[in-house]
Amino acid sequence: MEAALTIVTELEEYLKKESLTISQFAKYASLHSGTLSNIMRGRRPIAMQQLDRITEAMGYPEGFFYELFINNYVIEGSADWRRVGPLLVRCAELGKLECVRKIAQHIMDNLIYSPLLFDTAEEMFASGQLEAAAILYDCVAEGERFQHSERLAQCQFRLFTIALGDDQDQNLWAANRFEPFVERLDEVDQLDALKELANTYRSLQRWDKVDELAEKMGHKARIQYEMMHRPQRKVKEAEKQPSRPMFFYIAYSDLLRGSVCGELGNYEKALNYLYSNAQLEWVKEQGEEIEHWKNLFREWSEANVLLTRMLSGDFSVIKTYTDYIHGHKEELVIGLLYILKTSNKYNFNIDSILEDFQEDIVRISNELMQGRYSRKLAVDRQAKLNYELAYYSMNQRNYEVGFNFLLNSLKIFVQINNEKGIIECVKLFERNRMAANVKLQKNYQTVLLGGDILEENGSNYTYNN
């Protein structure tokens, strides 16, 4: 047992160097001297907890001998789950991801470990150890790739959610990889999977996919909702429940489809969806959680009705919508974005509105440039907001401010690999290149190539011309 002997040899050299007896060291390591003696003579294997105590007593960092331990007792020895399970958890806690991968890949040669690995991955996922969990999900999925099992689909669902980040190409790849597995999930889990996929394609502005997935989610949810409320239906004791109340998926389907219609310019159809979405008298469930979601949908629908009317050219609602944003700061980015899109589309002056939100706009732009943006606000939306601000400012011939916003937007679009956003920024810059001084043109080239702006211009963002 080369690995065990290596650990023992290390320990023997340490005892010799420190002039310690086995009994003295056993006391330091909180081990029985007979146990330690048998380990050193190769008469019994080292348990993980014993190895941790020995490692600590020798003054080494936690997990120092884990690679050797894995070789000896997992790969060359017997892969006993009582030893492997706690070792996986401990390696994940210490960030030893290669150890996690090495263990998982080895034991998945025997599919009997598949459910145990999956359950461990679920525990890691729940505790926020996403990188370690992804390794286990990937190993289980690879081991079961020909099984067409629900567990395989669950692994792919988790890998999809873990993979989502700022890179738009990565998000598209993750969505495309996961989508074929949706139908293999439990009927209840399919609803959450379709919701997450629709939200992902929404952030990618793939409106055809958003509508397709939202329609599918609504159809499945309506079937399950009708089944739930059949008078003769028998409720199973441990019946699986979705993460949201069942009516949520029906209402959210309509909300998404209304948003798609609005984005595609079909405002009348969008309003029909939104007005319908606010009418939730058909919901049969009752309770605090149900009322919470019903109130949210009514609020979302009212806000989206204002937004849709505004996008259609009805400027009479801009004041009402602006007041809504003031009371709902979490909607600030998306609200300002659509106000600006409306203004830029219809050449409507909104200097007074932008002055009112000037501190918020400066804060958002600074957070983008300093990398302190919030994932909850969606980085691409913040970048689009800066683009619309640039477009508006340049239309108002406020070029210095406009170029600042444009470089902010371009920098983030480059970072998140949003090709469409990059192209729009390039087109806007080229249309206004004659107004850019030499320094701005150099900064533009630097940002376009993925670098940082060489020197901040330090101009104040003002809108009263």
Protein backbone atom coordinates (compact mmCIF):
# COMPACT_ATOMS: atom_id res chain seq x y z
CA MET A 1 0.00 0.00 0.00
CA GLU A 2 2.20 2.73 -1.31
CA ALA A 3 -0.02 5.66 -0.30
CA ALA A 4 -0.53 4.40 3.28
CA LEU A 5 3.16 3.63 3.65
CA THR A 6 3.96 7.11 2.36
CA ILE A 7 1.78 8.64 5.05
CA VAL A 8 3.28 6.36 7.66
CA THR A 9 6.78 7.17 6.45
CA GLU A 10 6.00 10.87 6.75
CA LEU A 11 4.76 10.26 10.27
CA GLU A 12 7.80 8.17 11.23
CA GLU A 13 10.15 10.89 9.99
CA TYR A 14 8.16 13.50 11.90
CA LEU A 15 8.38 11.50 15.14
CA LYS A 16 12.13 11.04 14.65
CA LYS A 17 12.63 14.72 13.89
CA GLU A 18 10.61 15.86 16.91
CA SER A 19 11.99 13.10 19.19
CA LEU A 20 8.48 11.89 20.02
CA THR A 21 7.26 8.45 20.93
CA ILE A 22 4.10 6.95 19.47
CA SER A 23 2.37 7.39 22.83
CA GLN A 24 3.36 11.07 23.06
CA PHE A 25 2.19 11.85 19.52
CA ALA A 26 -1.03 9.84 20.01
CA LYS A 27 -1.79 12.10 22.98
CA TYR A 28 -1.21 15.24 20.85
CA ALA A 29 -3.43 13.80 18.10
CA SER A 30 -6.18 12.66 20.52
CA LEU A 31 -5.75 9.07 19.38
CA HIS A 32 -5.37 5.84 21.33
CA SER A 33 -1.71 4.83 21.30
CA GLY A 34 -2.59 1.24 20.39
CA THR A 35 -4.65 2.43 17.42
CA LEU A 36 -1.82 4.63 16.17
CA SER A 37 0.68 1.80 16.64
CA ASN A 38 -1.45 -0.58 14.55
CA ILE A 39 -1.83 2.05 11.81
CA MET A 40 1.94 2.55 11.67
CA ARG A 41 2.53 -1.20 11.50
CA GLY A 42 0.02 -1.54 8.65
CA ARG A 43 -2.33 -3.68 10.73
CA ARG A 44 -5.35 -1.41 10.22
CA PRO A 45 -6.34 1.27 7.70
CA ILE A 46 -6.46 4.94 8.60
CA ALA A 47 -9.92 6.36 9.08
CA MET A 48 -10.50 9.84 7.68
CA GLN A 49 -11.10 11.40 11.11
CA GLN A 50 -7.87 9.82 12.36
CA LEU A 51 -5.99 11.17 9.35
CA ASP A 52 -7.34 14.67 10.07
CA ARG A 53 -6.09 14.47 13.65
CA ILE A 54 -2.68 13.20 12.55
CA THR A 55 -2.42 15.95 9.93
CA GLU A 56 -3.30 18.65 12.45
CA ALA A 57 -0.89 17.30 15.04
CA MET A 58 1.91 17.31 12.44
CA GLY A 59 1.18 20.97 11.70
CA TYR A 60 0.09 20.44 8.11
CA PRO A 61 -2.96 22.19 6.55
CA GLU A 62 -6.30 20.40 6.50
CA GLY A 63 -6.55 17.75 3.79
CA PHE A 64 -2.79 17.65 3.23
CA PHE A 65 -2.76 13.85 2.83
CA TYR A 66 -6.13 13.46 1.06
CA GLU A 67 -4.65 12.75 -2.39
CA LEU A 68 -2.66 9.85 -0.94
CA PHE A 69 -5.63 8.71 1.10
CA ILE A 70 -7.80 8.58 -2.04
CA ASN A 71 -5.22 6.57 -3.97
CA ASN A 72 -4.84 4.02 -1.19
CA TYR A 73 -8.29 3.55 0.26
CA VAL A 74 -10.59 4.46 -2.64
CA ILE A 75 -8.80 3.65 -5.89
CA GLU A 76 -6.50 0.83 -4.74
CA GLY A 77 -8.70 -0.30 -1.89
CA SER A 78 -12.40 -0.90 -1.33
CA ALA A 79 -14.68 2.04 -2.22
CA ASP A 80 -16.78 1.73 0.93
CA TRP A 81 -19.43 4.49 0.90
CA ARG A 82 -19.05 4.93 4.66
CA ARG A 83 -15.55 6.16 3.89
CA VAL A 84 -16.19 7.74 0.48
CA GLY A 85 -19.28 9.79 1.40
CA PRO A 86 -17.73 11.80 4.27
CA LEU A 87 -14.48 12.15 2.27
CA LEU A 88 -16.36 13.73 -0.65
CA VAL A 89 -18.08 16.18 1.67
CA ARG A 90 -14.81 17.07 3.38
CA CYS A 91 -12.98 17.59 0.07
CA ALA A 92 -15.81 19.88 -1.09
CA GLU A 93 -15.63 21.88 2.12
CA LEU A 94 -11.87 22.38 1.66
CA GLY A 95 -12.25 23.29 -2.03
CA LYS A 96 -10.28 20.24 -3.18
CA LEU A 97 -12.27 19.91 -6.37
CA GLU A 98 -9.80 17.63 -8.16
CA CYS A 99 -10.10 15.21 -5.26
CA VAL A 100 -13.89 15.34 -5.59
CA ARG A 101 -13.59 14.63 -9.32
CA LYS A 102 -11.10 11.79 -8.82
CA ILE A 103 -13.31 10.01 -6.27
CA ALA A 104 -16.52 10.47 -8.27
CA GLN A 105 -15.06 9.30 -11.57
CA HIS A 106 -13.63 6.20 -9.91
CA ILE A 107 -16.70 5.02 -8.03
CA MET A 108 -19.08 5.72 -10.95
CA ASP A 109 -17.54 2.69 -12.65
CA ASN A 110 -20.15 0.93 -10.51
CA LEU A 111 -23.64 2.42 -11.14
CA ILE A 112 -24.77 1.28 -7.70
CA TYR A 113 -23.16 4.47 -6.39
CA SER A 114 -25.18 6.69 -8.74
CA PRO A 115 -28.08 7.48 -6.33
CA LEU A 116 -25.64 8.04 -3.44
CA LEU A 117 -23.54 10.45 -5.49
CA PHE A 118 -26.67 12.25 -6.67
CA ASP A 119 -27.98 12.69 -3.12
CA THR A 120 -24.58 14.04 -2.05
CA ALA A 121 -24.62 16.46 -4.99
CA GLU A 122 -28.07 17.65 -3.91
CA GLU A 123 -26.78 18.35 -0.40
CA MET A 124 -23.82 20.29 -1.82
CA PHE A 125 -26.12 22.22 -4.15
CA ALA A 126 -28.41 23.16 -1.26
CA SER A 127 -25.43 24.35 0.82
CA GLY A 128 -24.04 26.50 -2.00
CA GLN A 129 -21.05 24.30 -2.90
CA LEU A 130 -21.94 24.61 -6.56
CA GLU A 131 -18.59 23.73 -8.17
CA ALA A 132 -18.29 20.49 -6.22
CA ALA A 133 -21.96 19.67 -6.84
CA ALA A 134 -21.49 20.24 -10.59
CA ILE A 135 -18.64 17.70 -10.65
CA LEU A 136 -20.87 15.06 -9.06
CA TYR A 137 -23.88 15.86 -11.28
CA ASP A 138 -21.62 15.63 -14.33
CA CYS A 139 -20.23 12.24 -13.26
CA VAL A 140 -23.71 10.84 -12.56
CA ALA A 141 -24.99 12.17 -15.88
CA GLU A 142 -22.05 10.65 -17.73
CA GLY A 143 -22.55 7.32 -15.97
CA GLU A 144 -26.28 7.27 -16.78
CA ARG A 145 -26.14 8.80 -20.25
CA PHE A 146 -27.68 5.66 -21.80
CA GLN A 147 -30.22 5.08 -19.03
CA HIS A 148 -32.80 7.76 -20.03
CA SER A 149 -33.56 8.11 -16.33
CA GLU A 150 -35.28 10.91 -14.47
CA ARG A 151 -32.11 11.24 -12.37
CA LEU A 152 -30.13 11.97 -15.55
CA ALA A 153 -32.59 14.75 -16.39
CA GLN A 154 -32.35 16.13 -12.84
CA CYS A 155 -28.56 16.24 -13.15
CA GLN A 156 -28.84 18.15 -16.41
CA PHE A 157 -31.32 20.58 -14.82
CA ARG A 158 -28.90 21.30 -11.97
CA LEU A 159 -25.95 21.65 -14.36
CA PHE A 160 -27.99 24.12 -16.39
CA THR A 161 -28.78 26.34 -13.39
CA ILE A 162 -25.18 26.19 -12.14
CA ALA A 163 -23.79 27.09 -15.58
CA LEU A 164 -25.83 30.31 -15.90
CA GLY A 165 -23.71 33.42 -15.53
CA ASP A 166 -22.75 36.64 -17.28
CA ASP A 167 -21.46 35.13 -20.53
CA GLN A 168 -24.37 35.14 -23.00
CA ASP A 169 -22.84 32.48 -25.25
CA GLN A 170 -22.33 30.23 -22.23
CA ASN A 171 -25.95 30.73 -21.18
CA LEU A 172 -27.19 29.89 -24.67
CA TRP A 173 -25.01 26.77 -24.75
CA ALA A 174 -26.31 25.69 -21.31
CA ALA A 175 -29.94 26.21 -22.35
CA ASN A 176 -29.50 24.30 -25.62
CA ARG A 177 -27.80 21.41 -23.82
CA PHE A 178 -30.52 21.11 -21.17
CA GLU A 179 -33.69 21.65 -23.20
CA PRO A 180 -33.90 18.08 -24.66
CA PHE A 181 -34.02 16.67 -21.11
CA VAL A 182 -37.08 18.64 -19.92
CA GLU A 183 -39.61 16.00 -20.94
CA ARG A 184 -37.74 13.35 -18.94
CA LEU A 185 -38.28 15.24 -15.69
CA ASP A 186 -41.14 14.64 -13.30
CA GLU A 187 -44.25 16.53 -14.49
CA VAL A 188 -43.98 18.93 -11.55
CA ASP A 189 -40.27 19.61 -12.13
CA GLN A 190 -40.97 20.29 -15.80
CA LEU A 191 -42.78 23.49 -14.82
CA ASP A 192 -39.78 24.94 -12.99
CA ALA A 193 -37.47 23.79 -15.78
CA LEU A 194 -39.58 25.51 -18.44
CA LYS A 195 -39.76 28.65 -16.32
CA GLU A 196 -35.97 28.83 -15.96
CA LEU A 197 -35.41 28.11 -19.65
CA ALA A 198 -37.92 30.79 -20.67
CA ASN A 199 -36.24 33.32 -18.36
CA THR A 200 -32.85 32.46 -19.84
CA TYR A 201 -34.02 32.87 -23.43
CA ARG A 202 -35.73 36.09 -22.35
CA SER A 203 -32.40 37.51 -21.20
CA LEU A 204 -30.98 36.45 -24.59
CA GLN A 205 -33.89 38.17 -26.41
CA ARG A 206 -34.82 34.92 -28.13
CA TRP A 207 -38.49 35.86 -28.21
CA ASP A 208 -39.55 32.87 -30.34
CA LYS A 209 -38.14 30.49 -27.74
CA VAL A 210 -39.62 32.45 -24.84
CA ASP A 211 -43.10 32.24 -26.40
CA GLU A 212 -42.70 28.55 -27.23
CA LEU A 213 -41.58 27.59 -23.73
CA ALA A 214 -44.10 29.87 -21.99
CA GLU A 215 -46.93 28.34 -24.02
CA LYS A 216 -45.73 24.84 -23.16
CA MET A 217 -45.43 25.72 -19.45
CA GLY A 218 -48.94 27.22 -19.40
CA HIS A 219 -50.42 24.19 -21.17
CA LYS A 220 -48.83 21.71 -18.76
CA ALA A 221 -49.75 23.81 -15.72
CA ARG A 222 -53.42 24.08 -16.79
CA ILE A 223 -53.66 20.31 -17.16
CA GLN A 224 -52.15 19.75 -13.71
CA TYR A 225 -54.31 22.50 -12.21
CA GLU A 226 -57.49 20.88 -13.52
CA MET A 227 -56.37 17.51 -12.18
CA MET A 228 -55.61 19.03 -8.77
CA HIS A 229 -59.14 20.33 -8.42
CA ARG A 230 -61.12 17.37 -9.67
CA PRO A 231 -63.69 16.45 -6.99
CA GLN A 232 -62.92 12.72 -7.21
CA ARG A 233 -59.15 13.17 -7.05
CA LYS A 234 -57.30 11.34 -4.28
CA VAL A 235 -54.34 13.21 -2.79
CA LYS A 236 -51.21 11.14 -2.26
CA GLU A 237 -49.46 11.59 1.09
CA ALA A 238 -46.03 12.52 -0.26
CA GLU A 239 -47.13 14.18 -3.49
CA LYS A 240 -44.40 16.31 -5.02
CA GLN A 241 -45.04 20.05 -5.15
CA PRO A 242 -43.52 22.67 -7.48
CA SER A 243 -41.48 25.54 -6.03
CA ARG A 244 -44.40 27.93 -6.63
CA PRO A 245 -48.18 27.50 -6.26
CA MET A 246 -49.59 25.76 -9.33
CA PHE A 247 -51.57 28.80 -10.52
CA PHE A 248 -48.27 30.75 -10.67
CA TYR A 249 -47.14 28.87 -13.78
CA ILE A 250 -50.39 29.60 -15.62
CA ALA A 251 -50.27 33.30 -14.75
CA TYR A 252 -46.54 33.55 -15.44
CA SER A 253 -47.05 31.94 -18.84
CA ASP A 254 -49.51 34.70 -19.78
CA LEU A 255 -47.18 37.37 -18.39
CA LEU A 256 -44.26 36.09 -20.46
CA ARG A 257 -46.34 35.79 -23.62
CA GLY A 258 -47.62 39.31 -23.13
CA SER A 259 -44.04 40.54 -22.75
CA VAL A 260 -43.05 38.78 -25.97
CA CYS A 261 -45.91 40.44 -27.87
CA GLY A 262 -44.83 43.81 -26.49
CA GLU A 263 -41.21 43.26 -27.53
CA LEU A 264 -42.33 42.30 -31.04
CA GLY A 265 -44.54 45.38 -31.35
CA ASN A 266 -47.90 43.58 -31.14
CA TYR A 267 -49.16 45.89 -28.40
CA GLU A 268 -52.86 45.05 -28.69
CA LYS A 269 -52.25 41.35 -28.17
CA ALA A 270 -49.80 42.14 -25.36
CA LEU A 271 -52.45 44.18 -23.54
CA ASN A 272 -54.98 41.36 -23.89
CA TYR A 273 -52.57 38.98 -22.16
CA LEU A 274 -51.78 41.52 -19.43
CA TYR A 275 -55.39 42.45 -18.70
CA SER A 276 -56.20 38.75 -18.48
CA ASN A 277 -53.20 38.23 -16.21
CA ALA A 278 -54.56 40.71 -13.67
CA GLN A 279 -57.90 38.83 -13.44
CA LEU A 280 -57.15 35.97 -11.05
CA GLU A 281 -60.65 35.25 -9.69
CA TRP A 282 -60.34 31.74 -11.14
CA VAL A 283 -57.66 30.81 -8.61
CA LYS A 284 -59.21 28.28 -6.21
CA GLU A 285 -56.45 28.08 -3.59
CA GLN A 286 -56.42 30.30 -0.55
CA GLY A 287 -53.85 31.33 2.02
CA GLU A 288 -51.14 33.87 2.73
CA GLU A 289 -48.72 32.59 0.07
CA ILE A 290 -51.46 32.52 -2.57
CA GLU A 291 -52.47 36.10 -1.81
CA HIS A 292 -48.82 37.15 -1.93
CA TRP A 293 -48.41 35.86 -5.48
CA LYS A 294 -51.81 37.11 -6.64
CA ASN A 295 -50.96 40.61 -5.46
CA LEU A 296 -47.58 40.45 -7.19
CA PHE A 297 -49.16 39.38 -10.49
CA ARG A 298 -51.70 42.21 -10.29
CA GLU A 299 -48.87 44.66 -9.60
CA TRP A 300 -46.70 43.26 -12.41
CA SER A 301 -49.62 43.35 -14.82
CA GLU A 302 -50.48 46.96 -13.99
CA ALA A 303 -46.84 48.00 -14.45
CA ASN A 304 -46.55 46.06 -17.73
CA VAL A 305 -49.78 47.60 -19.02
CA LEU A 306 -48.29 51.05 -18.44
CA LEU A 307 -45.03 49.96 -20.06
CA THR A 308 -46.80 48.48 -23.10
CA ARG A 309 -48.96 51.56 -23.61
CA MET A 310 -45.82 53.70 -23.33
CA LEU A 311 -43.96 51.59 -25.92
CA SER A 312 -46.94 51.91 -28.26
CA GLY A 313 -46.51 55.71 -28.20
CA ASP A 314 -49.00 56.65 -25.47
CA PHE A 315 -46.94 59.32 -23.69
CA SER A 316 -49.76 60.10 -21.26
CA VAL A 317 -48.70 57.19 -19.03
CA ILE A 318 -45.01 58.13 -18.67
CA LYS A 319 -45.65 60.19 -15.50
CA THR A 320 -47.62 57.33 -13.91
CA TYR A 321 -44.95 54.82 -14.88
CA THR A 322 -42.20 57.09 -13.52
CA ASP A 323 -44.06 57.33 -10.21
CA TYR A 324 -44.24 53.52 -10.16
CA ILE A 325 -40.45 53.26 -10.54
CA HIS A 326 -39.95 55.73 -7.69
CA GLY A 327 -41.90 53.39 -5.43
CA HIS A 328 -40.25 50.20 -6.71
CA LYS A 329 -36.50 50.72 -6.84
CA GLU A 330 -35.97 47.07 -7.78
CA GLU A 331 -37.59 48.00 -11.13
CA LEU A 332 -35.32 51.01 -11.64
CA VAL A 333 -33.04 49.57 -14.33
CA ILE A 334 -35.74 47.95 -16.44
CA GLY A 335 -38.05 50.95 -15.98
CA LEU A 336 -35.50 53.53 -17.09
CA LEU A 337 -34.46 51.25 -19.93
CA TYR A 338 -37.97 51.18 -21.39
CA ILE A 339 -38.57 54.89 -20.82
CA LEU A 340 -35.40 55.57 -22.81
CA LYS A 341 -36.31 53.06 -25.53
CA THR A 342 -39.67 54.81 -25.91
CA SER A 343 -38.02 58.23 -25.98
CA ASN A 344 -35.45 57.14 -28.56
CA LYS A 345 -38.10 55.46 -30.71
CA TYR A 346 -40.43 58.47 -30.81
CA ASN A 347 -37.83 61.24 -30.29
CA PHE A 348 -39.52 62.35 -27.06
CA ASN A 349 -37.61 64.66 -24.68
CA ILE A 350 -37.23 63.20 -21.18
CA ASP A 351 -34.54 65.48 -19.74
CA SER A 352 -36.65 66.21 -16.65
CA ILE A 353 -37.10 62.48 -15.92
CA LEU A 354 -33.39 61.77 -16.32
CA GLU A 355 -32.51 64.69 -14.06
CA ASP A 356 -34.85 63.23 -11.45
CA PHE A 357 -33.00 59.88 -11.60
CA GLN A 358 -29.54 61.35 -12.13
CA GLU A 359 -27.98 60.00 -8.90
CA ASP A 360 -29.32 56.50 -9.63
CA ILE A 361 -27.99 56.58 -13.19
CA VAL A 362 -24.52 57.67 -12.07
CA ARG A 363 -24.50 54.95 -9.40
CA ILE A 364 -25.50 52.24 -11.88
CA SER A 365 -22.85 53.36 -14.38
CA ASN A 366 -20.14 53.48 -11.69
CA GLU A 367 -21.08 50.00 -10.48
CA LEU A 368 -20.77 48.69 -14.02
CA MET A 369 -17.36 50.24 -14.58
CA GLN A 370 -16.08 49.00 -11.20
CA GLY A 371 -17.49 45.50 -11.62
CA ARG A 372 -19.80 45.90 -8.61
CA TYR A 373 -23.01 45.17 -10.47
CA SER A 374 -25.76 42.99 -9.04
CA ARG A 375 -26.67 39.74 -10.73
CA LYS A 376 -30.25 40.31 -9.57
CA LEU A 377 -30.46 43.39 -11.78
CA ALA A 378 -29.15 41.50 -14.83
CA VAL A 379 -25.88 42.80 -16.21
CA ASP A 380 -27.12 42.87 -19.79
CA ARG A 381 -30.02 45.16 -18.83
CA GLN A 382 -27.63 47.55 -17.14
CA ALA A 383 -25.46 47.56 -20.25
CA LYS A 384 -28.53 48.16 -22.45
CA LEU A 385 -29.56 51.03 -20.19
CA ASN A 386 -26.18 52.66 -20.76
CA TYR A 387 -26.59 52.14 -24.51
CA GLU A 388 -30.02 53.82 -24.53
CA LEU A 389 -28.62 56.68 -22.43
CA ALA A 390 -25.82 57.07 -24.98
CA TYR A 391 -28.30 57.04 -27.85
CA TYR A 392 -30.50 59.65 -26.16
CA SER A 393 -27.59 61.90 -25.18
CA MET A 394 -26.16 61.88 -28.70
CA ASN A 395 -29.57 62.67 -30.17
CA GLN A 396 -29.59 65.66 -27.83
CA ARG A 397 -26.06 66.51 -29.09
CA ASN A 398 -24.68 65.97 -25.59
CA TYR A 399 -21.76 64.00 -27.04
CA GLU A 400 -19.37 63.96 -24.08
CA VAL A 401 -21.98 62.35 -21.84
CA GLY A 402 -23.13 60.09 -24.67
CA PHE A 403 -19.68 58.69 -25.37
CA ASN A 404 -19.15 57.97 -21.67
CA PHE A 405 -22.35 55.92 -21.55
CA LEU A 406 -21.49 54.21 -24.82
CA LEU A 407 -18.04 53.10 -23.59
CA ASN A 408 -19.63 51.82 -20.36
CA SER A 409 -22.14 49.82 -22.37
CA LEU A 410 -19.56 48.49 -24.84
CA LYS A 411 -17.24 47.37 -22.05
CA ILE A 412 -19.93 45.22 -20.43
CA PHE A 413 -21.22 43.82 -23.71
CA VAL A 414 -17.65 42.71 -24.50
CA GLN A 415 -17.26 41.15 -21.05
CA ILE A 416 -20.52 39.18 -21.24
CA ASN A 417 -19.89 38.27 -24.89
CA ASN A 418 -23.13 39.86 -26.15
CA GLU A 419 -22.43 40.07 -29.88
CA LYS A 420 -25.66 41.89 -30.74
CA GLY A 421 -24.98 44.55 -28.09
CA ILE A 422 -21.41 45.02 -29.33
CA ILE A 423 -22.61 45.54 -32.90
CA GLU A 424 -25.20 48.12 -31.81
CA CYS A 425 -22.55 50.02 -29.84
CA VAL A 426 -20.17 50.00 -32.82
CA LYS A 427 -22.90 51.28 -35.14
CA LEU A 428 -23.79 54.11 -32.73
CA PHE A 429 -20.14 55.11 -32.29
CA GLU A 430 -19.45 55.11 -36.02
CA ARG A 431 -22.52 57.28 -36.68
CA ASN A 432 -21.13 59.84 -34.24
CA ARG A 433 -17.39 59.34 -34.75
CA MET A 434 -16.87 62.89 -36.01
CA ALA A 435 -17.84 64.21 -32.56
CA ALA A 436 -15.30 61.99 -30.74
CA ASN A 437 -11.93 63.45 -29.81
CA VAL A 438 -8.68 61.50 -30.13
CA LYS A 439 -8.73 60.25 -26.53
CA LEU A 440 -12.28 58.94 -26.87
CA GLN A 441 -11.39 57.14 -30.09
CA LYS A 442 -8.40 55.49 -28.41
CA ASN A 443 -10.54 54.43 -25.44
CA TYR A 444 -13.14 53.06 -27.86
CA GLN A 445 -10.54 50.89 -29.60
CA THR A 446 -9.17 49.70 -26.25
CA VAL A 447 -12.60 48.71 -24.91
CA LEU A 448 -13.57 47.07 -28.20
CA LEU A 449 -10.52 44.82 -27.86
CA GLY A 450 -11.51 43.86 -24.31
CA GLY A 451 -9.30 46.30 -22.38
CA ASP A 452 -10.07 48.93 -19.78
CA ILE A 453 -10.60 52.59 -20.50
CA LEU A 454 -7.19 54.23 -20.26
CA GLU A 455 -8.37 57.35 -18.51
CA GLU A 456 -11.78 58.37 -17.18
CA ASN A 457 -13.16 61.57 -18.66
CA GLY A 458 -14.73 62.61 -15.37
CA SER A 459 -17.61 64.52 -16.97
CA ASN A 460 -20.83 65.18 -15.09
CA TYR A 461 -23.95 63.45 -16.37
CA THR A 462 -26.46 66.29 -16.90
CA TYR A 463 -29.49 66.47 -19.17
CA ASN A 464 -30.62 70.09 -19.12
CA ASN A 465 -29.26 71.57 -22.34
